[in-house]
Amino acid sequence: MFGTRRPALVIMPPSPDQPLRILHAVRAPVGGIIRHILDLANGQVDRGHHVGILADSLTGGERAEKAFAKIAPRLTLGVHRLAIRREPSPDDFLVWLRMRRLIGQLKPDVMHGHGAKAGAFVRMRRRSDDTIRIYTPHGGSLHYPLNTLKGEFYSRLERTLMDSTDLFLFESAFARDTYQRIVGTPKGVVHCVFNGVTPEEFESVVIADDATDLAYVGEFRHIKGADLLIDAVARLHQNGKKVTLTLGGDGEETAALKAQVERLGLVDAIRFIGHVKARYGFSKGRLLVVPSRGDSMPYVVIEAGAAGIPMIAARVGGIPEIFGPESPGLFAASNVEAMAEAIAAALADAQATAQRACALRERISAHFSQQAMVDGVLAGYRDAFANH
């Protein structure tokens, strides 16, 4: 007599309308990416979800420690730090094993990887019927041209992991389109959700008495273009416009930028104030300049726009999605002459520059709030569960 065959056990995913267990993973807890994760985590906790964060322990320094200490009491899944190196390393296998063990202990419903490396670790885990895997690139591997060794490596890795992704969350249409051009069209659910700022960030910033003509706020990395801004100031000085600049930030290019200022004879015109909070940095200049060579959806532009700061920025990445593509506040990226001309024009007509700042503030309020960002991400999770 033959036994009856038992039906396969079907594990139903949790209802996304009920509290979810969400684990955010990121390699480097610095800059806009960690700002995004902290805002998102806080918003998800406010909506009743159980949230945790996994991040690299080698980067971030004291600022990351303070940020994690502040949010830790709200995170029922905790804050976890592992040593995750930036470049591919033999240690990556051990990191992956430790991450698998942690995921097994926390049992998240949602694994949300931010950036290329954390996104890869999250998606390399075996598919589970009751867990969805989310990937937000944040630029990352998309910044490397395909004709470079790194670009080819990362594009191949992204293609390998594409089918292991339940939801692609892009913070800009630029990032989505770049991914599709470099990697391919995702088979999973795709959502674009803009980064957002909190209501407090719409309060006006009082310009300091010692403000310079220009300000820069951000990391000192090649892609952020602070060296191009210094060259633009030098070009303006050559043309008889003795503008001054405050550089607020730090990073791997700090020493090189200071040497550049000395070499160009601009020590009396350009000052460095170190890493500062964005709003403090905004107060130190009458015009904010964002000289990026590449960016997806930079928080500094959204924050400054919300505060009503007069600003000009490179026409690159997702920045035109913030300003509006036809805004006269945009200049050609990686073009020192175009930047110098945009600076001169903005300073020469302060009234028109201020009017653009007011219009941008209204645009930010309508499309770039933290509430809209959190709602958009959770809607993406719901669609991913439905498709899963």
Protein backbone atom coordinates (compact mmCIF):
# COMPACT_ATOMS: atom_id res chain seq x y z
CA MET A 1 0.00 0.00 0.00
CA PHE A 2 1.45 3.31 -1.06
CA GLY A 3 1.49 6.24 1.39
CA THR A 4 -0.16 9.48 0.44
CA ARG A 5 2.16 12.25 -0.62
CA ARG A 6 2.23 15.20 1.76
CA PRO A 7 1.67 18.63 0.24
CA ALA A 8 4.71 20.90 0.13
CA LEU A 9 5.02 23.26 3.06
CA VAL A 10 4.40 26.82 1.91
CA ILE A 11 5.88 29.55 4.08
CA MET A 12 3.91 32.75 3.67
CA PRO A 13 5.80 36.02 3.92
CA PRO A 14 4.69 38.45 6.61
CA SER A 15 2.04 40.97 5.70
CA PRO A 16 3.80 44.26 4.91
CA ASP A 17 0.95 46.02 6.69
CA GLN A 18 2.14 44.39 9.94
CA PRO A 19 5.38 45.30 11.74
CA LEU A 20 8.36 44.14 9.72
CA ARG A 21 11.84 43.11 10.85
CA ILE A 22 14.13 45.26 8.69
CA LEU A 23 17.93 45.04 8.56
CA HIS A 24 19.82 47.81 6.75
CA ALA A 25 23.37 46.93 5.70
CA VAL A 26 26.04 49.39 4.52
CA ARG A 27 29.79 49.28 4.16
CA ALA A 28 30.98 52.81 4.95
CA PRO A 29 28.81 54.73 7.46
CA VAL A 30 29.76 58.16 6.11
CA GLY A 31 28.27 61.01 4.12
CA GLY A 32 24.86 60.99 2.53
CA ILE A 33 24.48 57.22 2.55
CA ILE A 34 24.46 56.93 6.36
CA ARG A 35 22.31 60.05 6.63
CA HIS A 36 19.80 58.29 4.35
CA ILE A 37 19.86 55.07 6.38
CA LEU A 38 19.44 56.86 9.73
CA ASP A 39 16.51 58.93 8.46
CA LEU A 40 14.92 55.87 6.90
CA ALA A 41 15.42 53.76 10.02
CA ASN A 42 13.95 56.46 12.26
CA GLY A 43 10.94 56.81 9.98
CA GLN A 44 10.38 53.05 9.88
CA VAL A 45 10.61 52.81 13.68
CA ASP A 46 8.06 55.65 13.95
CA ARG A 47 5.70 53.49 11.87
CA GLY A 48 6.06 50.55 14.26
CA HIS A 49 8.66 48.40 12.46
CA HIS A 50 11.60 46.58 14.08
CA VAL A 51 14.84 47.86 12.59
CA GLY A 52 18.56 47.12 12.79
CA ILE A 53 21.71 48.44 11.12
CA LEU A 54 24.85 46.57 10.06
CA ALA A 55 27.86 48.71 9.11
CA ASP A 56 31.62 48.62 8.64
CA SER A 57 33.71 49.16 11.77
CA LEU A 58 36.80 50.49 9.94
CA THR A 59 35.30 53.76 8.72
CA GLY A 60 33.09 56.51 10.07
CA GLY A 61 35.21 57.32 13.10
CA GLU A 62 33.81 59.26 16.04
CA ARG A 63 30.94 60.76 14.00
CA ALA A 64 29.57 57.32 13.13
CA GLU A 65 29.98 56.15 16.73
CA LYS A 66 27.96 59.12 18.01
CA ALA A 67 25.26 58.67 15.36
CA PHE A 68 24.87 54.97 16.14
CA ALA A 69 24.87 55.59 19.88
CA LYS A 70 22.04 58.09 19.42
CA ILE A 71 19.81 55.80 17.34
CA ALA A 72 20.69 52.49 19.04
CA PRO A 73 18.00 52.70 21.78
CA ARG A 74 15.34 52.86 19.06
CA LEU A 75 16.58 49.83 17.11
CA THR A 76 15.13 46.57 18.40
CA LEU A 77 17.38 44.62 15.99
CA GLY A 78 20.41 46.57 17.20
CA VAL A 79 23.52 48.12 15.66
CA HIS A 80 26.18 45.69 14.46
CA ARG A 81 29.70 46.54 13.22
CA LEU A 82 31.91 44.27 11.10
CA ALA A 83 35.25 45.04 9.47
CA ILE A 84 34.30 45.40 5.78
CA ARG A 85 37.09 46.58 3.49
CA ARG A 86 36.37 48.90 0.57
CA GLU A 87 38.15 46.87 -2.10
CA PRO A 88 37.57 43.14 -2.77
CA SER A 89 39.54 41.19 -0.16
CA PRO A 90 40.09 37.56 0.98
CA ASP A 91 38.45 38.72 4.23
CA ASP A 92 35.16 39.18 2.38
CA PHE A 93 34.32 35.49 2.72
CA LEU A 94 34.62 35.67 6.51
CA VAL A 95 32.52 38.83 6.55
CA TRP A 96 29.87 37.07 4.50
CA LEU A 97 29.85 34.11 6.92
CA ARG A 98 29.50 36.43 9.92
CA MET A 99 26.73 38.31 8.19
CA ARG A 100 24.90 35.05 7.43
CA ARG A 101 25.17 34.06 11.09
CA LEU A 102 23.83 37.45 12.19
CA ILE A 103 20.93 37.26 9.73
CA GLY A 104 20.12 33.81 11.07
CA GLN A 105 19.94 35.23 14.59
CA LEU A 106 17.93 38.35 13.74
CA LYS A 107 15.56 36.67 11.26
CA PRO A 108 14.74 39.83 9.27
CA ASP A 109 11.79 39.95 6.89
CA VAL A 110 13.59 42.64 4.85
CA MET A 111 17.32 42.72 4.10
CA HIS A 112 18.11 46.12 2.63
CA GLY A 113 21.63 46.51 1.22
CA HIS A 114 22.94 50.02 0.59
CA GLY A 115 25.89 50.54 -1.75
CA ALA A 116 27.70 48.02 -3.91
CA LYS A 117 29.46 45.87 -1.33
CA ALA A 118 26.74 45.62 1.31
CA GLY A 119 24.24 45.14 -1.51
CA ALA A 120 26.28 42.21 -2.78
CA PHE A 121 26.56 40.56 0.65
CA VAL A 122 22.80 40.84 1.22
CA ARG A 123 21.95 39.35 -2.15
CA MET A 124 24.50 36.53 -2.02
CA ARG A 125 22.47 34.88 0.73
CA ARG A 126 20.34 31.92 -0.36
CA ARG A 127 16.84 32.88 -1.43
CA SER A 128 14.24 32.53 1.32
CA ASP A 129 10.49 32.25 0.96
CA ASP A 130 9.86 34.63 3.85
CA THR A 131 12.57 37.28 3.28
CA ILE A 132 12.95 39.90 0.57
CA ARG A 133 16.28 41.32 -0.58
CA ILE A 134 16.46 45.02 -1.40
CA TYR A 135 19.26 46.92 -3.13
CA THR A 136 19.88 50.67 -3.23
CA PRO A 137 23.10 51.39 -5.19
CA HIS A 138 23.65 55.01 -3.98
CA GLY A 139 25.90 55.58 -7.00
CA GLY A 140 28.68 53.28 -5.81
CA SER A 141 29.69 50.85 -8.54
CA LEU A 142 27.73 52.88 -11.11
CA HIS A 143 30.38 55.63 -11.00
CA TYR A 144 33.04 53.42 -12.65
CA PRO A 145 33.20 53.61 -16.49
CA LEU A 146 32.77 50.31 -18.30
CA ASN A 147 36.14 50.73 -20.07
CA THR A 148 38.01 50.45 -16.74
CA LEU A 149 38.98 47.28 -14.90
CA LYS A 150 36.84 48.23 -11.89
CA GLY A 151 33.93 49.18 -14.10
CA GLU A 152 34.01 45.84 -15.89
CA PHE A 153 34.35 43.91 -12.60
CA TYR A 154 31.46 45.69 -10.89
CA SER A 155 29.17 45.51 -13.90
CA ARG A 156 29.72 41.73 -14.10
CA LEU A 157 29.07 41.39 -10.36
CA GLU A 158 25.89 43.45 -10.64
CA ARG A 159 24.64 41.31 -13.54
CA THR A 160 25.34 38.16 -11.53
CA LEU A 161 23.28 39.44 -8.60
CA MET A 162 20.47 41.04 -10.59
CA ASP A 163 18.19 38.01 -10.44
CA SER A 164 18.76 37.71 -6.68
CA THR A 165 17.10 41.07 -6.01
CA ASP A 166 13.44 41.42 -5.08
CA LEU A 167 13.42 45.21 -5.17
CA PHE A 168 15.69 47.82 -6.72
CA LEU A 169 15.29 51.16 -4.96
CA PHE A 170 16.92 54.03 -6.83
CA GLU A 171 17.14 57.49 -5.28
CA SER A 172 17.00 59.16 -8.70
CA ALA A 173 15.90 58.46 -12.25
CA PHE A 174 19.55 59.08 -13.19
CA ALA A 175 20.69 56.14 -11.00
CA ARG A 176 17.96 53.90 -12.44
CA ASP A 177 18.84 54.77 -16.03
CA THR A 178 22.58 54.39 -15.37
CA TYR A 179 22.03 50.95 -13.86
CA GLN A 180 19.97 49.84 -16.86
CA ARG A 181 22.59 51.15 -19.27
CA ILE A 182 25.59 49.61 -17.51
CA VAL A 183 24.08 46.42 -16.04
CA GLY A 184 20.76 45.69 -17.70
CA THR A 185 17.02 45.85 -17.08
CA PRO A 186 16.17 44.42 -13.64
CA LYS A 187 13.68 41.57 -13.42
CA GLY A 188 12.67 42.48 -9.88
CA VAL A 189 10.45 45.35 -8.80
CA VAL A 190 11.91 48.79 -9.52
CA HIS A 191 11.03 51.98 -7.62
CA CYS A 192 12.52 55.49 -7.66
CA VAL A 193 12.25 57.18 -4.26
CA PHE A 194 13.87 60.58 -3.74
CA ASN A 195 15.96 61.26 -0.64
CA GLY A 196 14.08 63.46 1.82
CA VAL A 197 14.72 65.95 4.60
CA THR A 198 12.99 66.56 7.93
CA PRO A 199 10.62 69.48 8.69
CA GLU A 200 13.27 71.15 10.89
CA GLU A 201 15.57 71.52 7.90
CA PHE A 202 13.19 73.98 6.25
CA GLU A 203 14.06 76.56 8.90
CA SER A 204 16.11 79.46 7.51
CA VAL A 205 19.87 79.67 8.09
CA VAL A 206 21.29 82.97 9.33
CA ILE A 207 24.38 83.93 7.33
CA ALA A 208 27.37 84.48 9.62
CA ASP A 209 29.04 87.87 10.00
CA ASP A 210 32.33 86.39 8.79
CA ALA A 211 30.75 84.66 5.76
CA THR A 212 32.84 84.45 2.60
CA ASP A 213 31.44 84.93 -0.90
CA LEU A 214 31.31 81.17 -1.51
CA ALA A 215 30.91 78.02 0.56
CA TYR A 216 31.48 74.32 -0.08
CA VAL A 217 30.11 71.65 2.28
CA GLY A 218 30.91 67.98 1.79
CA GLU A 219 33.54 65.28 1.63
CA PHE A 220 36.97 65.92 0.15
CA ARG A 221 36.93 63.19 -2.48
CA HIS A 222 37.80 63.42 -6.17
CA ILE A 223 34.23 62.80 -7.28
CA LYS A 224 32.98 65.75 -5.19
CA GLY A 225 35.10 68.23 -7.16
CA ALA A 226 36.39 70.59 -4.44
CA ASP A 227 39.62 70.91 -6.45
CA LEU A 228 37.63 72.17 -9.43
CA LEU A 229 36.05 74.85 -7.23
CA ILE A 230 39.49 75.99 -6.06
CA ASP A 231 40.58 76.24 -9.70
CA ALA A 232 37.44 78.27 -10.47
CA VAL A 233 38.28 80.70 -7.67
CA ALA A 234 41.79 81.02 -9.10
CA ARG A 235 40.28 81.73 -12.54
CA LEU A 236 38.06 84.46 -11.07
CA HIS A 237 41.04 86.04 -9.32
CA GLN A 238 42.92 86.11 -12.61
CA ASN A 239 39.96 87.99 -14.09
CA GLY A 240 40.02 90.57 -11.30
CA LYS A 241 37.17 89.12 -9.19
CA LYS A 242 38.72 88.56 -5.76
CA VAL A 243 36.10 86.15 -4.38
CA THR A 244 36.58 84.32 -1.09
CA LEU A 245 35.70 80.71 -0.25
CA THR A 246 35.04 78.60 2.85
CA LEU A 247 35.62 74.85 2.51
CA GLY A 248 33.72 72.81 5.11
CA GLY A 249 34.61 69.14 5.07
CA ASP A 250 37.33 66.54 5.33
CA GLY A 251 38.43 63.36 3.63
CA GLU A 252 41.17 61.66 1.68
CA GLU A 253 42.03 64.75 -0.41
CA THR A 254 42.40 67.24 2.47
CA ALA A 255 46.18 67.53 2.23
CA ALA A 256 46.12 67.76 -1.57
CA LEU A 257 43.50 70.54 -1.50
CA LYS A 258 45.48 72.57 1.02
CA ALA A 259 48.58 72.17 -1.12
CA GLN A 260 46.60 73.29 -4.17
CA VAL A 261 45.45 76.45 -2.36
CA GLU A 262 49.05 77.29 -1.40
CA ARG A 263 50.35 76.58 -4.90
CA LEU A 264 47.79 78.93 -6.44
CA GLY A 265 48.52 81.71 -3.93
CA LEU A 266 44.99 81.65 -2.51
CA VAL A 267 45.76 81.20 1.21
CA ASP A 268 44.25 84.61 2.04
CA ALA A 269 41.11 83.92 -0.04
CA ILE A 270 40.27 80.32 0.90
CA ARG A 271 39.83 78.94 4.41
CA PHE A 272 39.33 75.38 5.66
CA ILE A 273 37.02 74.89 8.66
CA GLY A 274 37.07 71.09 8.86
CA HIS A 275 34.06 68.82 9.06
CA VAL A 276 31.00 70.77 10.17
CA LYS A 277 27.27 70.19 10.29
CA ALA A 278 25.70 71.15 6.99
CA ARG A 279 23.67 74.10 8.25
CA TYR A 280 26.70 75.60 10.00
CA GLY A 281 28.67 75.24 6.78
CA PHE A 282 25.87 76.92 4.82
CA SER A 283 26.07 79.93 7.16
CA LYS A 284 29.72 80.51 6.26
CA GLY A 285 29.11 81.60 2.67
CA ARG A 286 26.70 83.79 0.73
CA LEU A 287 26.55 81.34 -2.19
CA LEU A 288 26.84 77.56 -1.91
CA VAL A 289 28.67 75.87 -4.80
CA VAL A 290 28.25 72.14 -5.50
CA PRO A 291 31.05 71.27 -7.98
CA SER A 292 30.57 67.49 -8.18
CA ARG A 293 32.05 65.44 -10.99
CA GLY A 294 29.41 62.78 -10.27
CA ASP A 295 26.47 62.40 -7.90
CA SER A 296 23.21 60.51 -7.76
CA MET A 297 21.01 62.41 -5.28
CA PRO A 298 23.26 64.45 -2.96
CA TYR A 299 21.78 65.36 0.39
CA VAL A 300 23.74 68.60 0.57
CA VAL A 301 21.72 69.98 -2.37
CA ILE A 302 18.40 68.95 -0.82
CA GLU A 303 19.37 70.28 2.61
CA ALA A 304 20.54 73.61 1.22
CA GLY A 305 17.48 73.89 -0.98
CA ALA A 306 15.18 73.24 2.00
CA ALA A 307 16.94 75.96 4.01
CA GLY A 308 16.57 78.47 1.17
CA ILE A 309 20.32 78.81 0.63
CA PRO A 310 21.37 80.57 -2.62
CA MET A 311 23.12 77.84 -4.57
CA ILE A 312 24.56 76.78 -7.91
CA ALA A 313 25.52 73.22 -8.81
CA ALA A 314 27.02 71.03 -11.50
CA ARG A 315 24.58 69.61 -14.03
CA VAL A 316 25.42 66.00 -13.22
CA GLY A 317 23.72 62.84 -12.00
CA GLY A 318 20.43 63.40 -10.20
CA ILE A 319 21.09 67.07 -9.36
CA PRO A 320 18.92 68.36 -12.26
CA GLU A 321 16.04 66.31 -10.81
CA ILE A 322 16.32 68.44 -7.67
CA PHE A 323 16.73 71.83 -9.36
CA GLY A 324 14.58 71.11 -12.38
CA PRO A 325 16.46 70.33 -15.62
CA GLU A 326 16.23 73.86 -17.08
CA SER A 327 17.32 75.75 -13.97
CA PRO A 328 19.84 78.56 -14.60
CA GLY A 329 21.46 77.51 -11.32
CA LEU A 330 23.13 74.57 -13.08
CA PHE A 331 26.49 74.65 -14.87
CA ALA A 332 28.42 72.14 -16.98
CA ALA A 333 30.10 69.48 -14.84
CA SER A 334 33.92 69.16 -14.68
CA ASN A 335 34.23 72.54 -16.45
CA VAL A 336 36.18 75.13 -14.45
CA GLU A 337 35.39 77.95 -16.87
CA ALA A 338 31.65 77.24 -16.77
CA MET A 339 31.74 77.10 -12.97
CA ALA A 340 33.61 80.40 -12.74
CA GLU A 341 31.09 82.06 -15.06
CA ALA A 342 28.15 80.67 -13.04
CA ILE A 343 29.69 81.96 -9.80
CA ALA A 344 30.26 85.42 -11.26
CA ALA A 345 26.69 85.58 -12.64
CA ALA A 346 25.11 84.43 -9.36
CA LEU A 347 27.06 86.95 -7.29
CA ALA A 348 26.41 89.77 -9.77
CA ASP A 349 22.61 89.34 -9.60
CA ALA A 350 21.98 88.46 -5.96
CA GLN A 351 18.25 89.20 -6.26
CA ALA A 352 17.68 86.68 -9.05
CA THR A 353 19.81 84.12 -7.18
CA ALA A 354 17.70 84.62 -4.04
CA GLN A 355 14.47 84.26 -6.02
CA ARG A 356 15.69 80.94 -7.44
CA ALA A 357 16.47 79.80 -3.88
CA CYS A 358 12.89 80.55 -2.81
CA ALA A 359 11.47 78.62 -5.78
CA LEU A 360 13.76 75.67 -5.07
CA ARG A 361 12.65 75.62 -1.43
CA GLU A 362 9.03 75.15 -2.55
CA ARG A 363 10.10 72.38 -4.92
CA ILE A 364 11.98 70.57 -2.14
CA SER A 365 8.96 70.87 0.17
CA ALA A 366 6.70 69.27 -2.45
CA HIS A 367 8.92 66.37 -3.54
CA PHE A 368 11.79 65.73 -1.10
CA SER A 369 10.39 65.24 2.41
CA GLN A 370 11.49 62.52 4.82
CA GLN A 371 7.89 61.36 5.16
CA ALA A 372 7.53 60.89 1.40
CA MET A 373 10.85 59.00 1.33
CA VAL A 374 9.85 56.58 4.10
CA ASP A 375 6.38 56.05 2.61
CA GLY A 376 7.92 55.39 -0.81
CA VAL A 377 10.40 52.83 0.52
CA LEU A 378 7.71 50.96 2.48
CA ALA A 379 5.49 50.96 -0.62
CA GLY A 380 8.40 49.37 -2.47
CA TYR A 381 8.66 46.68 0.19
CA ARG A 382 4.92 45.96 -0.20
CA ASP A 383 5.28 45.55 -3.95
CA ALA A 384 8.31 43.31 -3.50
CA PHE A 385 6.40 41.05 -1.08
CA ALA A 386 3.47 40.88 -3.50
CA ASN A 387 5.83 39.91 -6.33
CA HIS A 388 7.88 37.53 -4.15
